[in-house]
Amino acid sequence: MTQSFITSPGPAYPQVTFNAMTSSFILEGDSFMLLADEFYGHITQKFKTFLSSPRLPPPLRCHFKLDFYDTKSFKCIHDLLALLQNSGKRIEIHWKIHFQDYASLETAIDLQGDFPRLDFIFD
């Protein structure tokens, strides 16, 4: 059963989906809202609950399919990745790379260096 815990209030907000059956999390779309701390704070709280589930089969697959994100959103995503790395669980990070967008590739490589205990897969 797919459970979407966070509703997207508008086009500046990404879609968020947690699925316990497939051990997956998806963050998709754009992220450039004014209240990024509040929005990602809700996601962090839901992630803590999601990660504590004893029935969550490994690995947890996290898909970051962001087309655009601002600096504030990126800081929140970075904090979220830190939470995932410190969870002690086996986690795959599927990071969307835009075709011929070297900045998105560079960002993904930097994140891979920041979080060596997460398995990064560049999509």
N, C-alpha and C. Protein backbone atom coordinates (compact mmCIF):
# COMPACT_ATOMS: atom_id res chain seq x y z
N MET A 1 0.84 -1.18 0.00
CA MET A 1 0.00 0.00 0.00
C MET A 1 0.88 1.25 0.00
N THR A 2 0.65 2.13 -0.91
CA THR A 2 1.40 3.38 -0.98
C THR A 2 0.76 4.38 -0.03
N GLN A 3 1.62 5.05 0.73
CA GLN A 3 1.12 6.07 1.64
C GLN A 3 1.84 7.37 1.35
N SER A 4 1.11 8.38 0.97
CA SER A 4 1.69 9.69 0.78
C SER A 4 1.39 10.51 2.02
N PHE A 5 2.40 10.74 2.84
CA PHE A 5 2.22 11.40 4.11
C PHE A 5 2.19 12.93 4.00
N ILE A 6 2.82 13.45 2.99
CA ILE A 6 2.95 14.89 2.85
C ILE A 6 2.23 15.30 1.57
N THR A 7 1.25 16.15 1.69
CA THR A 7 0.56 16.62 0.49
C THR A 7 1.32 17.80 -0.09
N SER A 8 1.35 17.87 -1.38
CA SER A 8 2.04 18.95 -2.07
C SER A 8 1.10 20.14 -2.19
N PRO A 9 1.40 21.26 -1.48
CA PRO A 9 0.49 22.40 -1.51
C PRO A 9 0.53 23.24 -2.78
N GLY A 10 1.45 22.98 -3.68
CA GLY A 10 1.51 23.78 -4.89
C GLY A 10 2.67 23.39 -5.78
N PRO A 11 2.82 24.09 -6.90
CA PRO A 11 3.84 23.73 -7.89
C PRO A 11 5.27 23.93 -7.42
N ALA A 12 5.51 24.70 -6.37
CA ALA A 12 6.86 24.91 -5.87
C ALA A 12 7.28 23.80 -4.90
N TYR A 13 6.37 22.86 -4.66
CA TYR A 13 6.60 21.78 -3.70
C TYR A 13 6.71 20.44 -4.43
N PRO A 14 7.63 19.58 -4.00
CA PRO A 14 7.72 18.27 -4.63
C PRO A 14 6.64 17.31 -4.13
N GLN A 15 6.36 16.30 -4.93
CA GLN A 15 5.48 15.21 -4.50
C GLN A 15 6.32 14.30 -3.61
N VAL A 16 5.72 13.81 -2.54
CA VAL A 16 6.41 12.95 -1.57
C VAL A 16 5.60 11.68 -1.38
N THR A 17 6.27 10.53 -1.54
CA THR A 17 5.60 9.26 -1.36
C THR A 17 6.48 8.32 -0.55
N PHE A 18 5.90 7.72 0.47
CA PHE A 18 6.54 6.65 1.23
C PHE A 18 5.75 5.38 0.92
N ASN A 19 6.44 4.28 0.60
CA ASN A 19 5.75 3.03 0.35
C ASN A 19 6.43 1.93 1.15
N ALA A 20 5.78 1.49 2.23
CA ALA A 20 6.35 0.47 3.10
C ALA A 20 6.41 -0.90 2.43
N MET A 21 5.51 -1.17 1.50
CA MET A 21 5.48 -2.47 0.82
C MET A 21 6.72 -2.67 -0.05
N THR A 22 7.17 -1.61 -0.69
CA THR A 22 8.33 -1.72 -1.58
C THR A 22 9.59 -1.10 -0.97
N SER A 23 9.50 -0.67 0.28
CA SER A 23 10.62 0.01 0.95
C SER A 23 11.15 1.15 0.10
N SER A 24 10.26 2.04 -0.29
CA SER A 24 10.69 3.13 -1.16
C SER A 24 10.15 4.48 -0.70
N PHE A 25 10.92 5.48 -1.05
CA PHE A 25 10.58 6.88 -0.81
C PHE A 25 10.85 7.61 -2.11
N ILE A 26 9.95 8.47 -2.51
CA ILE A 26 10.12 9.25 -3.74
C ILE A 26 9.88 10.72 -3.44
N LEU A 27 10.83 11.53 -3.88
CA LEU A 27 10.72 12.99 -3.82
C LEU A 27 10.86 13.46 -5.26
N GLU A 28 9.77 14.02 -5.81
CA GLU A 28 9.74 14.27 -7.25
C GLU A 28 9.15 15.63 -7.58
N GLY A 29 9.79 16.32 -8.53
CA GLY A 29 9.27 17.60 -9.01
C GLY A 29 10.22 18.73 -8.69
N ASP A 30 9.65 19.88 -8.38
CA ASP A 30 10.42 21.08 -8.04
C ASP A 30 10.36 21.33 -6.54
N SER A 31 11.38 22.02 -6.03
CA SER A 31 11.41 22.35 -4.61
C SER A 31 12.03 23.73 -4.44
N PHE A 32 11.18 24.74 -4.38
CA PHE A 32 11.68 26.11 -4.19
C PHE A 32 10.68 26.95 -3.40
N MET A 33 10.15 26.34 -2.34
CA MET A 33 9.14 27.01 -1.53
C MET A 33 9.76 27.94 -0.50
N LEU A 34 8.96 28.85 0.03
CA LEU A 34 9.43 29.78 1.05
C LEU A 34 9.66 29.10 2.39
N LEU A 35 8.83 28.12 2.73
CA LEU A 35 8.90 27.47 4.04
C LEU A 35 9.52 26.08 3.93
N ALA A 36 10.71 26.01 3.35
CA ALA A 36 11.38 24.72 3.14
C ALA A 36 11.64 24.00 4.46
N ASP A 37 12.07 24.73 5.49
CA ASP A 37 12.35 24.09 6.78
C ASP A 37 11.11 23.39 7.34
N GLU A 38 9.98 24.04 7.23
CA GLU A 38 8.73 23.46 7.73
C GLU A 38 8.33 22.24 6.90
N PHE A 39 8.37 22.38 5.59
CA PHE A 39 7.98 21.29 4.70
C PHE A 39 8.87 20.07 4.92
N TYR A 40 10.19 20.28 4.89
CA TYR A 40 11.12 19.16 5.06
C TYR A 40 11.16 18.67 6.50
N GLY A 41 10.79 19.51 7.44
CA GLY A 41 10.67 19.06 8.83
C GLY A 41 9.61 17.98 8.97
N HIS A 42 8.49 18.13 8.25
CA HIS A 42 7.44 17.11 8.25
C HIS A 42 7.97 15.82 7.63
N ILE A 43 8.72 15.95 6.55
CA ILE A 43 9.27 14.77 5.89
C ILE A 43 10.25 14.06 6.84
N THR A 44 11.07 14.81 7.53
CA THR A 44 12.03 14.22 8.47
C THR A 44 11.31 13.44 9.56
N GLN A 45 10.25 14.01 10.12
CA GLN A 45 9.49 13.31 11.16
C GLN A 45 8.88 12.02 10.62
N LYS A 46 8.33 12.07 9.43
CA LYS A 46 7.74 10.87 8.83
C LYS A 46 8.82 9.83 8.52
N PHE A 47 10.00 10.31 8.11
CA PHE A 47 11.10 9.39 7.83
C PHE A 47 11.54 8.67 9.09
N LYS A 48 11.59 9.36 10.21
CA LYS A 48 11.98 8.71 11.47
C LYS A 48 11.02 7.57 11.80
N THR A 49 9.73 7.80 11.59
CA THR A 49 8.73 6.75 11.81
C THR A 49 8.91 5.62 10.81
N PHE A 50 9.10 5.97 9.56
CA PHE A 50 9.28 5.01 8.48
C PHE A 50 10.50 4.13 8.74
N LEU A 51 11.60 4.73 9.14
CA LEU A 51 12.85 3.99 9.38
C LEU A 51 12.75 3.08 10.61
N SER A 52 11.90 3.42 11.54
CA SER A 52 11.79 2.62 12.77
C SER A 52 10.90 1.39 12.60
N SER A 53 10.26 1.25 11.46
CA SER A 53 9.39 0.10 11.23
C SER A 53 10.21 -1.19 11.14
N PRO A 54 9.91 -2.18 11.98
CA PRO A 54 10.64 -3.44 11.92
C PRO A 54 10.31 -4.27 10.68
N ARG A 55 9.22 -3.94 10.02
CA ARG A 55 8.81 -4.69 8.82
C ARG A 55 9.33 -4.07 7.53
N LEU A 56 10.19 -3.10 7.61
CA LEU A 56 10.72 -2.43 6.42
C LEU A 56 11.85 -3.29 5.84
N PRO A 57 11.59 -3.99 4.72
CA PRO A 57 12.63 -4.87 4.17
C PRO A 57 13.75 -4.07 3.51
N PRO A 58 15.01 -4.47 3.75
CA PRO A 58 16.13 -3.76 3.12
C PRO A 58 16.26 -4.16 1.66
N PRO A 59 16.87 -3.34 0.86
CA PRO A 59 17.31 -1.98 1.18
C PRO A 59 16.16 -0.99 1.02
N LEU A 60 16.28 0.12 1.69
CA LEU A 60 15.36 1.23 1.48
C LEU A 60 15.83 1.97 0.24
N ARG A 61 14.94 2.15 -0.72
CA ARG A 61 15.29 2.83 -1.98
C ARG A 61 14.68 4.24 -1.95
N CYS A 62 15.56 5.22 -1.98
CA CYS A 62 15.13 6.62 -1.95
C CYS A 62 15.39 7.24 -3.31
N HIS A 63 14.34 7.70 -3.95
CA HIS A 63 14.43 8.28 -5.29
C HIS A 63 14.28 9.79 -5.19
N PHE A 64 15.32 10.49 -5.60
CA PHE A 64 15.30 11.95 -5.63
C PHE A 64 15.23 12.35 -7.10
N LYS A 65 14.02 12.66 -7.55
CA LYS A 65 13.76 12.99 -8.95
C LYS A 65 13.41 14.47 -9.06
N LEU A 66 14.33 15.28 -8.62
CA LEU A 66 14.07 16.72 -8.58
C LEU A 66 14.52 17.39 -9.86
N ASP A 67 13.64 18.18 -10.43
CA ASP A 67 13.96 18.94 -11.64
C ASP A 67 14.65 20.25 -11.28
N PHE A 68 14.21 20.87 -10.20
CA PHE A 68 14.79 22.14 -9.76
C PHE A 68 14.66 22.22 -8.25
N TYR A 69 15.69 22.72 -7.60
CA TYR A 69 15.62 22.96 -6.15
C TYR A 69 16.47 24.18 -5.84
N ASP A 70 16.03 24.93 -4.84
CA ASP A 70 16.78 26.11 -4.44
C ASP A 70 17.75 25.75 -3.31
N THR A 71 18.54 26.73 -2.89
CA THR A 71 19.57 26.50 -1.89
C THR A 71 18.98 26.03 -0.55
N LYS A 72 17.89 26.64 -0.13
CA LYS A 72 17.27 26.28 1.14
C LYS A 72 16.75 24.84 1.10
N SER A 73 16.13 24.46 0.01
CA SER A 73 15.64 23.09 -0.14
C SER A 73 16.81 22.11 -0.15
N PHE A 74 17.89 22.47 -0.84
CA PHE A 74 19.05 21.59 -0.91
C PHE A 74 19.64 21.35 0.47
N LYS A 75 19.68 22.39 1.31
CA LYS A 75 20.18 22.24 2.68
C LYS A 75 19.32 21.24 3.44
N CYS A 76 18.01 21.32 3.27
CA CYS A 76 17.10 20.40 3.94
C CYS A 76 17.28 18.97 3.42
N ILE A 77 17.49 18.82 2.12
CA ILE A 77 17.73 17.50 1.53
C ILE A 77 19.05 16.94 2.06
N HIS A 78 20.06 17.78 2.18
CA HIS A 78 21.35 17.36 2.72
C HIS A 78 21.16 16.84 4.15
N ASP A 79 20.37 17.55 4.95
CA ASP A 79 20.08 17.11 6.32
C ASP A 79 19.33 15.78 6.33
N LEU A 80 18.42 15.60 5.38
CA LEU A 80 17.68 14.36 5.27
C LEU A 80 18.62 13.20 4.94
N LEU A 81 19.57 13.43 4.04
CA LEU A 81 20.55 12.39 3.70
C LEU A 81 21.42 12.05 4.90
N ALA A 82 21.74 13.04 5.73
CA ALA A 82 22.51 12.77 6.95
C ALA A 82 21.71 11.86 7.88
N LEU A 83 20.41 12.12 8.01
CA LEU A 83 19.55 11.26 8.83
C LEU A 83 19.57 9.83 8.30
N LEU A 84 19.47 9.68 7.00
CA LEU A 84 19.47 8.35 6.39
C LEU A 84 20.80 7.64 6.64
N GLN A 85 21.90 8.36 6.46
CA GLN A 85 23.21 7.74 6.66
C GLN A 85 23.38 7.28 8.12
N ASN A 86 22.90 8.07 9.04
CA ASN A 86 23.05 7.75 10.46
C ASN A 86 22.04 6.73 10.97
N SER A 87 21.13 6.27 10.11
CA SER A 87 20.10 5.32 10.54
C SER A 87 20.65 3.91 10.75
N GLY A 88 21.79 3.62 10.13
CA GLY A 88 22.36 2.28 10.24
C GLY A 88 21.71 1.27 9.32
N LYS A 89 20.78 1.70 8.50
CA LYS A 89 20.09 0.80 7.57
C LYS A 89 20.79 0.82 6.20
N ARG A 90 20.55 -0.23 5.43
CA ARG A 90 21.07 -0.28 4.06
C ARG A 90 20.14 0.57 3.19
N ILE A 91 20.72 1.60 2.57
CA ILE A 91 19.91 2.57 1.83
C ILE A 91 20.52 2.85 0.48
N GLU A 92 19.70 2.79 -0.55
CA GLU A 92 20.09 3.18 -1.90
C GLU A 92 19.52 4.56 -2.17
N ILE A 93 20.36 5.43 -2.70
CA ILE A 93 19.93 6.77 -3.10
C ILE A 93 19.95 6.81 -4.63
N HIS A 94 18.80 6.90 -5.22
CA HIS A 94 18.68 7.02 -6.68
C HIS A 94 18.54 8.51 -6.98
N TRP A 95 19.58 9.10 -7.53
CA TRP A 95 19.62 10.54 -7.76
C TRP A 95 19.48 10.80 -9.25
N LYS A 96 18.49 11.58 -9.62
CA LYS A 96 18.23 11.90 -11.02
C LYS A 96 19.30 12.86 -11.55
N ILE A 97 19.93 12.45 -12.64
CA ILE A 97 20.89 13.29 -13.34
C ILE A 97 20.24 13.74 -14.64
N HIS A 98 20.21 15.01 -14.87
CA HIS A 98 19.64 15.53 -16.11
C HIS A 98 20.65 15.41 -17.24
N PHE A 99 20.17 14.97 -18.38
CA PHE A 99 21.02 14.75 -19.54
C PHE A 99 21.82 16.01 -19.88
N GLN A 100 23.11 15.87 -19.98
CA GLN A 100 24.06 16.95 -20.30
C GLN A 100 24.00 18.12 -19.32
N ASP A 101 23.59 17.85 -18.10
CA ASP A 101 23.60 18.88 -17.06
C ASP A 101 24.73 18.53 -16.10
N TYR A 102 25.87 19.14 -16.32
CA TYR A 102 27.06 18.81 -15.53
C TYR A 102 26.93 19.27 -14.09
N ALA A 103 26.15 20.30 -13.83
CA ALA A 103 25.95 20.76 -12.46
C ALA A 103 25.22 19.70 -11.64
N SER A 104 24.20 19.04 -12.22
CA SER A 104 23.49 18.01 -11.47
C SER A 104 24.38 16.80 -11.23
N LEU A 105 25.25 16.48 -12.17
CA LEU A 105 26.20 15.39 -11.97
C LEU A 105 27.22 15.74 -10.89
N GLU A 106 27.72 16.95 -10.92
CA GLU A 106 28.68 17.40 -9.92
C GLU A 106 28.05 17.38 -8.52
N THR A 107 26.81 17.82 -8.41
CA THR A 107 26.10 17.80 -7.13
C THR A 107 25.98 16.36 -6.62
N ALA A 108 25.61 15.45 -7.50
CA ALA A 108 25.45 14.04 -7.10
C ALA A 108 26.77 13.45 -6.63
N ILE A 109 27.85 13.76 -7.32
CA ILE A 109 29.17 13.25 -6.92
C ILE A 109 29.58 13.84 -5.58
N ASP A 110 29.30 15.12 -5.36
CA ASP A 110 29.60 15.75 -4.07
C ASP A 110 28.81 15.08 -2.94
N LEU A 111 27.54 14.81 -3.18
CA LEU A 111 26.72 14.15 -2.17
C LEU A 111 27.24 12.74 -1.88
N GLN A 112 27.65 12.05 -2.90
CA GLN A 112 28.21 10.71 -2.72
C GLN A 112 29.44 10.77 -1.81
N GLY A 113 30.26 11.81 -1.97
CA GLY A 113 31.43 11.99 -1.11
C GLY A 113 31.04 12.37 0.31
N ASP A 114 29.98 13.15 0.47
CA ASP A 114 29.51 13.57 1.80
C ASP A 114 28.90 12.42 2.59
N PHE A 115 28.32 11.44 1.88
CA PHE A 115 27.59 10.36 2.53
C PHE A 115 28.08 9.00 2.02
N PRO A 116 29.28 8.59 2.42
CA PRO A 116 29.88 7.37 1.88
C PRO A 116 29.17 6.07 2.29
N ARG A 117 28.35 6.09 3.34
CA ARG A 117 27.65 4.87 3.76
C ARG A 117 26.32 4.67 3.03
N LEU A 118 25.95 5.61 2.19
CA LEU A 118 24.76 5.46 1.36
C LEU A 118 25.19 4.98 -0.02
N ASP A 119 24.41 4.07 -0.59
CA ASP A 119 24.71 3.56 -1.93
C ASP A 119 24.04 4.46 -2.97
N PHE A 120 24.85 5.25 -3.67
CA PHE A 120 24.31 6.17 -4.68
C PHE A 120 24.23 5.48 -6.03
N ILE A 121 23.10 5.67 -6.68
CA ILE A 121 22.87 5.19 -8.04
C ILE A 121 22.39 6.40 -8.82
N PHE A 122 23.10 6.72 -9.87
CA PHE A 122 22.77 7.90 -10.67
C PHE A 122 21.86 7.48 -11.82
N ASP A 123 20.65 8.00 -11.80
CA ASP A 123 19.63 7.66 -12.82
C ASP A 123 19.59 8.73 -13.88
